[in-house]
């Protein structure tokens, strides 16, 4: 009868709607004979301790973050509680000690270093952690310093199944030739040193071979995850987290929020779920900002006047339309003196293109937005964020027009040393070796002409371990400006007011030519 047909139709329709509803919750997009599900085998853990439950003594961990930005701080604290030891840790940095604005005595991986849970560290920069530096110099742990861009690419290669690759970065340095201290003994003597690396020439340029890095576990930090394991990162917190997520059989993602499948548009997902095995919503976030720049009243001290003179002259090297990378310290100050009538784009190797000025108000400070000096910053309209491996593709590929860096020593023919004093100072090279290895990038050095005790910093040959060979194009000091010719060496092209050529000769540890068109540096110093 018609009534029976109608009842049957209604039952079948209700069953169909229920099936669609169930499949919709599960993320199933098709159900005609088989299903295609957006949900992968991701485990949602209740606590950070549960997420790291199977990390054992001797594990090799890839730990995301840059400085203290984008670090998996809850997972690190869980490892401290677990008391797992003899860890090999791969990370760009090794955390910090005490920061005055915060109560905790150690931050980030500094927590594990302080409790002696790290046996070996593979990093590019360890400055900022005095306890780690002490342990290394005392022979209590191993340290393999690796150029930041090389580190990012070694990890990216590991996740992509590429066993090794060639890079121009670090050719001619201890990273290439071997001999960099990896472990000291109790007497302060080098017990283990780095091995030499294979080199090869392509199209007339020299390269060294670097091997990929993989780990047992990757510990990363994202802003949000959906229940399928797709991740979204916030601003510069993307950094090393993206390549590291791909380079271990088990990736544990700590996030601030877990949302339903379908919350993210597919085109807005930064890391697909295929790379993520576990997610956990972090219990507590300190969101520490390592450095905050404060505007200071103009100073008339000799040092302040000297620095202003150097950075104002360095700013004149920045031309309209350039993509520019500024090193930490004095080079970064050059951004304050860029002429107003030109437009430039500042790139920072931790993953931002389009840096803006420092925030003037504390409420605008954002722990997820920092520069390479770990300082809170802002960005300009049109800025973009990206991962560390992407950042160094820009750098290594010659897309940066100009980089301004500091130095401990520079040689007559443009060798640069700025990363290590064996047995005394352990900071690391950070991204400097990558920046100076790019064929298309002009390298300008800003530094005081001599050390505090009057020792020469411009020499026939550098006595400190090199950052790069024949890589410097220009040196700017408080006394003058040198251009460097690969065949002629140093050429003095500008001289400071009140300084004579004889003054410069006495302060310089090598011979130099003087251009016939020598001129006085044309800047105005306000702090006088």
Protein backbone atom coordinates (compact mmCIF):
# COMPACT_ATOMS: atom_id res chain seq x y z
CA UNK A 1 0.00 0.00 0.00
CA UNK A 2 0.99 3.62 -0.34
CA UNK A 3 1.27 3.93 3.48
CA UNK A 4 3.72 1.00 3.63
CA UNK A 5 5.82 2.47 0.82
CA UNK A 6 5.95 5.83 2.58
CA UNK A 7 7.01 4.27 5.89
CA UNK A 8 9.77 2.26 4.17
CA UNK A 9 10.98 5.36 2.35
CA UNK A 10 11.10 7.33 5.59
CA UNK A 11 13.08 4.55 7.39
CA UNK A 12 15.62 4.34 4.56
CA UNK A 13 15.97 8.11 4.43
CA UNK A 14 16.53 8.29 8.18
CA UNK A 15 19.19 5.55 7.93
CA UNK A 16 20.89 7.40 5.10
CA UNK A 17 20.91 10.68 7.04
CA UNK A 18 22.29 8.95 10.13
CA UNK A 19 25.04 7.34 8.05
CA UNK A 20 25.96 10.69 6.53
CA UNK A 21 26.03 12.23 9.98
CA UNK A 22 28.34 9.53 11.38
CA UNK A 23 30.66 9.69 8.37
CA UNK A 24 30.68 13.48 8.60
CA UNK A 25 31.85 13.34 12.21
CA UNK A 26 34.60 10.90 11.24
CA UNK A 27 35.71 13.09 8.36
CA UNK A 28 34.78 10.51 5.69
CA UNK A 29 34.38 12.17 2.31
CA UNK A 30 33.14 9.16 0.28
CA UNK A 31 31.29 6.01 1.32
CA UNK A 32 30.23 4.32 -1.92
CA UNK A 33 31.92 0.94 -1.53
CA UNK A 34 34.97 2.33 0.36
CA UNK A 35 35.90 5.31 2.52
CA UNK A 36 38.49 8.08 2.27
CA UNK A 37 39.05 9.48 5.72
CA UNK A 38 40.79 12.70 6.78
CA UNK A 39 41.60 11.07 10.12
CA UNK A 40 45.01 9.47 10.41
CA UNK A 41 46.59 7.42 13.17
CA UNK A 42 47.23 10.42 15.40
CA UNK A 43 47.05 9.90 19.15
CA UNK A 44 45.63 12.66 21.33
CA UNK A 45 47.44 12.50 24.66
CA UNK A 46 45.94 13.79 27.89
CA UNK A 47 49.23 15.01 29.38
CA UNK A 48 52.73 15.89 28.27
CA UNK A 49 54.07 13.08 30.44
CA UNK A 50 51.91 10.60 28.55
CA UNK A 51 53.15 12.00 25.25
CA UNK A 52 56.84 11.35 26.13
CA UNK A 53 56.22 8.06 27.91
CA UNK A 54 58.44 5.92 25.67
CA UNK A 55 61.41 8.28 25.37
CA UNK A 56 64.22 6.36 27.05
CA UNK A 57 67.82 6.97 28.10
CA UNK A 58 70.09 7.52 25.12
CA UNK A 59 67.33 8.70 22.76
CA UNK A 60 68.07 11.15 19.97
CA UNK A 61 65.61 14.04 20.02
CA UNK A 62 64.91 16.76 17.47
CA UNK A 63 63.53 19.70 19.45
CA UNK A 64 61.88 22.58 17.60
CA UNK A 65 62.08 26.29 18.28
CA UNK A 66 64.38 29.25 17.77
CA UNK A 67 65.74 30.68 20.98
CA UNK A 68 62.72 30.40 23.26
CA UNK A 69 60.19 31.06 20.48
CA UNK A 70 58.11 28.07 19.44
CA UNK A 71 59.73 25.62 21.86
CA UNK A 72 57.79 22.60 23.20
CA UNK A 73 58.19 23.84 26.76
CA UNK A 74 55.69 21.43 28.34
CA UNK A 75 57.31 18.40 26.70
CA UNK A 76 60.72 19.60 27.91
CA UNK A 77 59.40 19.91 31.47
CA UNK A 78 57.93 16.42 31.19
CA UNK A 79 61.36 15.07 30.22
CA UNK A 80 62.87 16.79 33.25
CA UNK A 81 60.32 15.06 35.50
CA UNK A 82 60.89 11.73 33.76
CA UNK A 83 64.64 12.07 34.49
CA UNK A 84 65.57 10.48 31.18
CA UNK A 85 69.31 10.95 30.58
CA UNK A 86 72.20 10.56 28.10
CA UNK A 87 70.14 12.35 25.46
CA UNK A 88 71.45 13.47 22.10
CA UNK A 89 69.53 16.63 21.33
CA UNK A 90 69.34 18.40 17.98
CA UNK A 91 68.07 21.97 18.23
CA UNK A 92 69.08 25.38 16.97
CA UNK A 93 69.73 26.63 20.51
CA UNK A 94 70.14 25.17 23.97
CA UNK A 95 67.84 27.39 26.01
CA UNK A 96 68.95 29.98 28.53
CA UNK A 97 69.78 30.53 32.14
CA UNK A 98 68.11 33.13 34.33
CA UNK A 99 66.31 36.02 32.61
CA UNK A 100 65.63 38.90 35.01
CA UNK A 101 62.00 39.44 34.05
CA UNK A 102 61.05 35.86 34.94
CA UNK A 103 61.21 33.73 38.08
CA UNK A 104 62.45 30.47 36.57
CA UNK A 105 66.24 29.95 36.75
CA UNK A 106 66.40 28.10 33.41
CA UNK A 107 64.32 28.14 30.24
CA UNK A 108 63.82 25.79 27.30
CA UNK A 109 66.52 23.17 26.88
CA UNK A 110 68.47 24.98 29.57
CA UNK A 111 66.28 22.99 31.98
CA UNK A 112 67.66 19.67 30.69
CA UNK A 113 71.21 21.01 30.46
CA UNK A 114 71.12 22.16 34.08
CA UNK A 115 70.00 18.70 35.23
CA UNK A 116 72.76 17.02 33.17
CA UNK A 117 70.31 15.04 31.05
CA UNK A 118 72.01 15.99 27.76
CA UNK A 119 75.03 13.96 26.67
CA UNK A 120 75.49 15.52 23.23
CA UNK A 121 74.10 18.66 21.63
CA UNK A 122 73.92 19.41 17.89
CA UNK A 123 73.17 23.12 17.48
CA UNK A 124 74.16 26.30 15.67
CA UNK A 125 74.18 28.78 18.54
CA UNK A 126 74.51 28.17 22.28
CA UNK A 127 75.13 31.73 23.46
CA UNK A 128 72.88 32.76 26.32
CA UNK A 129 73.36 29.61 28.37
CA UNK A 130 76.38 30.07 30.64
CA UNK A 131 75.81 26.74 32.40
CA UNK A 132 75.88 24.83 29.13
CA UNK A 133 79.04 26.68 28.08
CA UNK A 134 80.63 25.79 31.42
CA UNK A 135 79.72 22.11 31.06
CA UNK A 136 81.15 22.00 27.55
CA UNK A 137 84.44 23.68 28.45
CA UNK A 138 84.68 21.42 31.53
CA UNK A 139 84.36 18.29 29.38
CA UNK A 140 80.98 17.23 30.78
CA UNK A 141 79.19 16.95 27.42
CA UNK A 142 79.71 16.97 23.66
CA UNK A 143 78.79 19.79 21.30
CA UNK A 144 78.64 19.61 17.51
CA UNK A 145 78.25 23.16 16.23
CA UNK A 146 76.63 23.30 12.80
CA UNK A 147 75.82 26.33 10.64
CA UNK A 148 72.16 27.21 11.09
CA UNK A 149 71.18 26.87 7.45
CA UNK A 150 73.11 23.62 7.14
CA UNK A 151 71.37 22.35 10.27
CA UNK A 152 67.95 23.17 8.82
CA UNK A 153 68.83 21.54 5.49
CA UNK A 154 70.33 18.42 7.13
CA UNK A 155 67.06 17.96 9.01
CA UNK A 156 64.95 18.70 5.93
CA UNK A 157 67.00 16.16 3.94
CA UNK A 158 66.53 13.57 6.68
CA UNK A 159 62.77 13.99 6.50
CA UNK A 160 62.83 13.82 2.70
CA UNK A 161 64.87 10.61 2.50
CA UNK A 162 67.96 12.33 1.08
CA UNK A 163 71.13 10.92 2.72
CA UNK A 164 73.46 13.84 1.94
CA UNK A 165 73.88 17.02 -0.10
CA UNK A 166 76.50 19.60 -1.11
CA UNK A 167 76.54 23.16 0.21
CA UNK A 168 78.92 26.12 -0.18
CA UNK A 169 78.43 26.97 3.49
CA UNK A 170 81.56 26.59 5.66
CA UNK A 171 83.96 25.67 2.87
CA UNK A 172 87.51 26.30 4.09
CA UNK A 173 86.52 26.46 7.78
CA UNK A 174 86.91 23.98 10.64
CA UNK A 175 83.47 22.61 9.75
CA UNK A 176 84.98 21.55 6.41
CA UNK A 177 88.57 20.73 7.38
CA UNK A 178 87.84 19.19 10.75
CA UNK A 179 89.40 20.03 14.08
CA UNK A 180 86.54 21.93 15.72
CA UNK A 181 86.29 20.97 19.40
CA UNK A 182 83.47 18.51 20.08
CA UNK A 183 84.52 17.47 23.59
CA UNK A 184 87.16 18.69 26.02
CA UNK A 185 88.77 16.62 28.76
CA UNK A 186 88.98 17.70 32.37
CA UNK A 187 92.29 19.48 31.66
CA UNK A 188 90.69 21.70 29.03
CA UNK A 189 92.34 19.84 26.15
CA UNK A 190 90.40 18.76 23.05
CA UNK A 191 89.46 15.10 23.52
CA UNK A 192 87.19 14.75 20.47
CA UNK A 193 87.38 17.00 17.41
CA UNK A 194 85.21 17.18 14.32
CA UNK A 195 86.14 15.15 11.25
CA UNK A 196 86.93 16.58 7.83
CA UNK A 197 84.21 16.56 5.19
CA UNK A 198 84.29 15.64 1.53
CA UNK A 199 84.47 18.60 -0.85
CA UNK A 200 83.73 19.00 -4.54
CA UNK A 201 83.65 21.75 -7.15
CA UNK A 202 80.57 22.55 -9.27
CA UNK A 203 80.79 25.19 -12.00
CA UNK A 204 83.90 26.63 -10.43
CA UNK A 205 82.48 26.95 -6.90
CA UNK A 206 83.57 24.87 -3.92
CA UNK A 207 81.12 22.86 -1.84
CA UNK A 208 81.27 20.43 1.08
CA UNK A 209 79.11 17.37 1.66
CA UNK A 210 76.79 17.32 4.64
CA UNK A 211 74.90 14.26 5.85
CA UNK A 212 71.21 14.25 6.74
CA UNK A 213 69.96 14.27 10.33
CA UNK A 214 67.14 12.12 11.67
CA UNK A 215 66.05 11.37 15.22
CA UNK A 216 64.20 8.84 17.32
CA UNK A 217 61.60 11.42 18.32
CA UNK A 218 60.72 14.94 17.17
CA UNK A 219 59.31 17.28 19.82
CA UNK A 220 57.67 20.29 18.23
CA UNK A 221 55.39 23.17 19.17
CA UNK A 222 52.45 24.45 17.10
CA UNK A 223 49.71 26.96 17.79
CA UNK A 224 46.72 24.76 16.94
CA UNK A 225 46.01 21.20 15.85
CA UNK A 226 42.85 19.60 14.59
CA UNK A 227 41.92 16.13 15.74
CA UNK A 228 43.32 14.67 12.54
CA UNK A 229 46.79 16.00 13.44
CA UNK A 230 47.01 18.89 10.98
CA UNK A 231 49.00 21.80 12.44
CA UNK A 232 48.97 25.58 12.22
CA UNK A 233 51.84 27.70 13.55
CA UNK A 234 51.83 31.28 14.77
CA UNK A 235 54.13 33.89 13.24
CA UNK A 236 57.86 33.18 13.74
CA UNK A 237 57.16 30.13 15.92
CA UNK A 238 57.22 28.02 12.76
CA UNK A 239 61.07 28.08 12.53
CA UNK A 240 62.69 24.63 12.98
CA UNK A 241 59.43 22.94 13.97
CA UNK A 242 58.35 22.24 10.39
CA UNK A 243 61.47 20.41 9.10
CA UNK A 244 61.95 18.60 12.41
CA UNK A 245 58.42 17.19 12.34
CA UNK A 246 59.34 15.26 9.19
CA UNK A 247 62.65 13.75 10.32
CA UNK A 248 61.72 11.22 13.02
CA UNK A 249 59.55 8.08 13.07
CA UNK A 250 57.59 9.54 16.00
CA UNK A 251 56.66 13.23 16.06
CA UNK A 252 55.02 14.65 19.17
CA UNK A 253 53.33 18.01 18.71
CA UNK A 254 52.55 20.21 21.68
CA UNK A 255 49.82 22.75 20.89
CA UNK A 256 47.84 25.51 22.58
CA UNK A 257 44.48 24.35 21.26
CA UNK A 258 42.97 21.24 19.67
CA UNK A 259 40.04 21.89 17.34
CA UNK A 260 37.59 19.81 15.35
CA UNK A 261 38.40 18.38 11.94
CA UNK A 262 37.29 20.83 9.29
CA UNK A 263 38.08 23.93 11.37
CA UNK A 264 41.10 24.68 9.17
CA UNK A 265 40.70 25.30 5.49
CA UNK A 266 43.00 22.87 3.63
CA UNK A 267 44.99 25.76 2.15
CA UNK A 268 45.64 27.20 5.64
CA UNK A 269 47.32 24.08 7.06
CA UNK A 270 51.07 24.55 7.59
CA UNK A 271 51.97 20.92 8.38
CA UNK A 272 49.85 17.98 7.17
CA UNK A 273 48.81 15.26 9.60
CA UNK A 274 50.93 12.60 7.87
CA UNK A 275 53.95 13.92 9.79
CA UNK A 276 52.31 13.96 13.22
CA UNK A 277 51.92 10.93 15.49
CA UNK A 278 50.84 12.43 18.81
CA UNK A 279 49.35 15.74 19.88
CA UNK A 280 48.93 17.14 23.36
CA UNK A 281 47.47 20.39 24.59
CA UNK A 282 50.19 22.02 26.70
CA UNK A 283 49.39 22.39 30.38
CA UNK A 284 51.13 25.74 30.95
CA UNK A 285 52.77 28.33 28.72
CA UNK A 286 55.27 30.86 30.02
CA UNK A 287 55.91 32.33 26.54
CA UNK A 288 59.25 33.84 27.55
CA UNK A 289 60.68 36.71 25.49
CA UNK A 290 64.45 36.47 25.62
CA UNK A 291 65.33 40.06 24.68
CA UNK A 292 63.35 43.29 24.69
CA UNK A 293 64.83 46.35 23.00
CA UNK A 294 64.36 49.57 24.93
CA UNK A 295 64.97 53.01 23.48
CA UNK A 296 67.56 54.81 25.55
CA UNK A 297 68.44 58.44 25.99
CA UNK A 298 71.29 59.51 23.71
CA UNK A 299 74.65 58.89 25.34
CA UNK A 300 77.82 60.90 24.87
CA UNK A 301 80.08 58.05 26.00
CA UNK A 302 82.98 57.19 23.73
CA UNK A 303 81.53 53.74 23.02
CA UNK A 304 78.09 55.05 22.09
CA UNK A 305 79.50 57.71 19.77
CA UNK A 306 81.73 55.08 18.14
CA UNK A 307 78.84 52.67 17.55
CA UNK A 308 76.61 55.41 16.16
CA UNK A 309 79.33 56.42 13.73
CA UNK A 310 79.74 52.84 12.51
CA UNK A 311 76.07 51.94 12.13
CA UNK A 312 75.12 55.25 10.50
CA UNK A 313 77.78 54.68 7.87
CA UNK A 314 76.68 51.05 7.46
CA UNK A 315 73.11 52.19 6.80
CA UNK A 316 74.36 54.01 3.70
CA UNK A 317 75.17 50.61 2.16
CA UNK A 318 71.44 49.85 2.12
CA UNK A 319 69.97 50.85 -1.23
CA UNK A 320 66.42 51.25 -2.47
CA UNK A 321 64.65 47.96 -3.25
CA UNK A 322 67.14 45.71 -1.45
CA UNK A 323 66.40 42.56 0.52
CA UNK A 324 68.65 42.89 3.57
CA UNK A 325 69.69 40.64 6.47
CA UNK A 326 71.14 42.33 9.55
CA UNK A 327 73.19 40.37 12.08
CA UNK A 328 72.59 40.56 15.81
CA UNK A 329 74.12 43.34 17.88
CA UNK A 330 75.55 46.43 16.21
CA UNK A 331 74.44 45.50 12.65
CA UNK A 332 70.79 45.39 13.71
CA UNK A 333 71.06 49.02 14.87
CA UNK A 334 71.67 50.08 11.26
CA UNK A 335 67.93 49.64 10.66
CA UNK A 336 67.35 52.77 12.77
CA UNK A 337 69.23 54.89 10.23
CA UNK A 338 67.87 53.66 6.90
CA UNK A 339 67.07 56.79 4.84
CA UNK A 340 63.34 57.55 4.80
CA UNK A 341 63.24 58.02 1.04
CA UNK A 342 64.10 54.39 0.23
CA UNK A 343 62.17 51.15 0.61
CA UNK A 344 63.90 47.96 1.75
CA UNK A 345 62.72 44.58 3.01
CA UNK A 346 64.46 43.17 6.08
CA UNK A 347 64.78 39.39 6.28
CA UNK A 348 65.45 37.50 9.50
CA UNK A 349 66.77 33.95 9.30
CA UNK A 350 64.37 32.65 11.96
CA UNK A 351 61.58 32.93 9.40
CA UNK A 352 60.23 36.39 8.60
CA UNK A 353 60.43 38.64 5.56
CA UNK A 354 59.39 42.23 6.21
CA UNK A 355 60.65 43.08 9.69
CA UNK A 356 59.28 46.27 11.17
CA UNK A 357 60.40 48.48 14.06
CA UNK A 358 60.67 47.38 17.67
CA UNK A 359 57.35 47.59 19.55
CA UNK A 360 57.16 50.76 21.63
CA UNK A 361 54.57 49.50 24.11
CA UNK A 362 54.81 46.42 26.33
CA UNK A 363 51.30 45.31 25.44
CA UNK A 364 52.44 44.91 21.83
CA UNK A 365 55.21 42.47 22.77
CA UNK A 366 54.58 39.06 21.25
CA UNK A 367 56.63 36.00 22.23
CA UNK A 368 55.71 34.43 18.89
CA UNK A 369 57.22 37.30 16.90
CA UNK A 370 60.97 37.76 17.28
CA UNK A 371 64.02 38.47 15.13
CA UNK A 372 67.27 36.51 14.89
CA UNK A 373 68.55 38.29 18.01
CA UNK A 374 65.56 36.84 19.93
CA UNK A 375 64.18 40.37 20.33
CA UNK A 376 60.46 41.10 20.19
CA UNK A 377 59.69 42.91 16.93
CA UNK A 378 56.85 43.96 14.64
CA UNK A 379 56.35 43.40 10.93
CA UNK A 380 55.48 45.65 8.02
CA UNK A 381 52.39 45.33 5.79
CA UNK A 382 53.06 42.62 3.23
CA UNK A 383 55.32 40.61 5.57
CA UNK A 384 55.41 36.81 5.50
CA UNK A 385 56.41 33.98 7.83
CA UNK A 386 58.08 30.69 6.94
CA UNK A 387 60.16 27.84 8.31
CA UNK A 388 63.94 27.83 8.88
CA UNK A 389 64.69 25.62 5.87
CA UNK A 390 62.72 28.00 3.64
CA UNK A 391 64.56 30.97 5.13
CA UNK A 392 67.98 29.57 4.32
CA UNK A 393 66.88 28.63 0.82
CA UNK A 394 66.44 32.37 0.34
CA UNK A 395 69.86 33.05 1.82
CA UNK A 396 71.85 30.23 0.22
CA UNK A 397 70.11 30.78 -3.12
CA UNK A 398 71.42 34.35 -3.37
CA UNK A 399 68.08 36.12 -2.94
CA UNK A 400 69.41 38.41 -0.20
CA UNK A 401 71.17 41.46 -1.65
CA UNK A 402 73.07 42.60 1.44
CA UNK A 403 74.05 41.26 4.83
CA UNK A 404 75.68 43.29 7.59
CA UNK A 405 77.51 41.32 10.29
CA UNK A 406 79.86 41.82 13.21
CA UNK A 407 83.33 40.31 13.47
CA UNK A 408 86.15 39.42 15.82
CA UNK A 409 88.72 39.43 13.02
CA UNK A 410 88.88 40.08 9.27
CA UNK A 411 91.86 39.28 7.05
CA UNK A 412 93.43 41.40 4.31
CA UNK A 413 91.72 39.32 1.63
CA UNK A 414 88.31 39.11 3.26
CA UNK A 415 88.44 36.04 5.49
CA UNK A 416 86.03 36.40 8.42
CA UNK A 417 86.19 35.05 12.00
CA UNK A 418 83.28 35.71 14.37
CA UNK A 419 82.07 32.51 16.03
CA UNK A 420 84.58 30.81 18.34
CA UNK A 421 87.53 31.38 20.65
CA UNK A 422 88.78 27.82 21.33
CA UNK A 423 88.86 26.94 25.01
CA UNK A 424 87.42 30.30 26.08
CA UNK A 425 84.23 31.38 24.32
CA UNK A 426 81.57 29.11 22.87
CA UNK A 427 78.74 30.94 21.13
CA UNK A 428 78.38 29.30 17.73
CA UNK A 429 78.12 30.57 14.19
CA UNK A 430 74.35 30.82 13.97
CA UNK A 431 73.45 31.77 10.40
CA UNK A 432 76.63 33.71 9.64
CA UNK A 433 78.40 30.95 7.70
CA UNK A 434 75.39 30.58 5.42
CA UNK A 435 75.02 34.32 4.92
CA UNK A 436 78.63 34.86 3.84
CA UNK A 437 78.65 31.80 1.54
CA UNK A 438 76.02 33.15 -0.83
CA UNK A 439 77.49 34.18 -4.16
CA UNK A 440 74.95 36.94 -4.78
CA UNK A 441 75.06 38.66 -1.38
CA UNK A 442 77.25 41.65 -0.52
CA UNK A 443 78.88 41.13 2.90
CA UNK A 444 79.56 44.25 4.99
CA UNK A 445 81.34 43.99 8.36
CA UNK A 446 80.76 46.51 11.15
CA UNK A 447 83.21 46.43 14.05
CA UNK A 448 85.50 48.49 16.24
CA UNK A 449 88.89 48.84 14.59
CA UNK A 450 90.84 47.26 17.47
CA UNK A 451 90.09 45.26 20.61
CA UNK A 452 89.70 46.98 23.97
CA UNK A 453 93.40 46.38 24.70
CA UNK A 454 94.44 47.82 21.34
CA UNK A 455 95.12 44.50 19.58
CA UNK A 456 94.61 44.36 15.84
CA UNK A 457 91.37 42.93 14.46
CA UNK A 458 92.22 43.52 10.79
CA UNK A 459 95.11 41.17 10.00
CA UNK A 460 97.12 39.49 7.25
CA UNK A 461 95.50 36.22 8.35
CA UNK A 462 92.86 35.51 10.98
CA UNK A 463 94.18 33.68 14.03
CA UNK A 464 90.70 32.60 15.13
CA UNK A 465 88.62 29.87 13.42
CA UNK A 466 87.10 31.14 10.19
CA UNK A 467 83.46 31.81 9.47
CA UNK A 468 84.16 32.11 5.75
CA UNK A 469 87.03 32.52 3.28
CA UNK A 470 87.37 35.51 0.94
CA UNK A 471 83.80 36.46 1.71
CA UNK A 472 83.92 40.04 3.03
CA UNK A 473 83.33 42.89 0.57
CA UNK A 474 83.53 45.88 2.89
CA UNK A 475 84.70 46.73 6.44
CA UNK A 476 83.30 49.73 8.32
CA UNK A 477 84.96 50.84 11.56
CA UNK A 478 85.00 54.06 13.55
CA UNK A 479 88.21 55.00 11.70
CA UNK A 480 87.26 54.40 8.10
CA UNK A 481 85.84 52.24 5.35
CA UNK A 482 87.76 49.54 3.46
CA UNK A 483 86.70 47.79 0.29
CA UNK A 484 88.27 44.38 -0.27
CA UNK A 485 89.60 43.29 -3.65
CA UNK A 486 90.21 39.56 -4.03
CA UNK A 487 93.62 40.25 -5.63
CA UNK A 488 94.73 43.60 -4.16
CA UNK A 489 93.33 43.10 -0.67
CA UNK A 490 92.33 46.06 1.50
CA UNK A 491 91.67 49.43 -0.10
CA UNK A 492 90.94 52.41 2.15
CA UNK A 493 88.14 54.38 0.47
CA UNK A 494 86.78 56.59 3.27
CA UNK A 495 88.32 58.08 6.41
CA UNK A 496 86.71 59.52 9.53
CA UNK A 497 87.01 63.16 10.43
CA UNK A 498 90.06 63.84 12.59
CA UNK A 499 91.71 60.50 11.72
CA UNK A 500 94.91 60.32 9.67
CA UNK A 501 96.16 57.59 7.39
CA UNK A 502 99.05 57.02 9.83
CA UNK A 503 96.49 56.51 12.64
CA UNK A 504 94.83 53.78 10.58
CA UNK A 505 98.17 52.18 9.70
CA UNK A 506 99.06 51.87 13.39
CA UNK A 507 95.64 50.36 14.22
CA UNK A 508 95.69 47.86 11.32
CA UNK A 509 97.64 44.61 11.41
CA UNK A 510 98.33 44.42 7.67
CA UNK A 511 99.19 46.63 4.74
CA UNK A 512 96.52 48.31 2.65
CA UNK A 513 96.19 50.55 -0.38
CA UNK A 514 94.67 54.02 -0.29
CA UNK A 515 92.37 54.97 -3.13
CA UNK A 516 93.25 58.11 -5.06
CA UNK A 517 89.69 59.31 -4.46
CA UNK A 518 89.82 58.97 -0.65
CA UNK A 519 87.02 60.98 0.99
CA UNK A 520 85.80 61.79 4.45
CA UNK A 521 82.89 59.75 5.84
CA UNK A 522 79.79 61.87 5.30
CA UNK A 523 77.57 61.34 8.34
CA UNK A 524 76.31 63.49 11.20
CA UNK A 525 76.83 62.20 14.74
CA UNK A 526 74.08 63.36 17.13
CA UNK A 527 75.43 61.93 20.40
CA UNK A 528 78.13 64.57 20.83
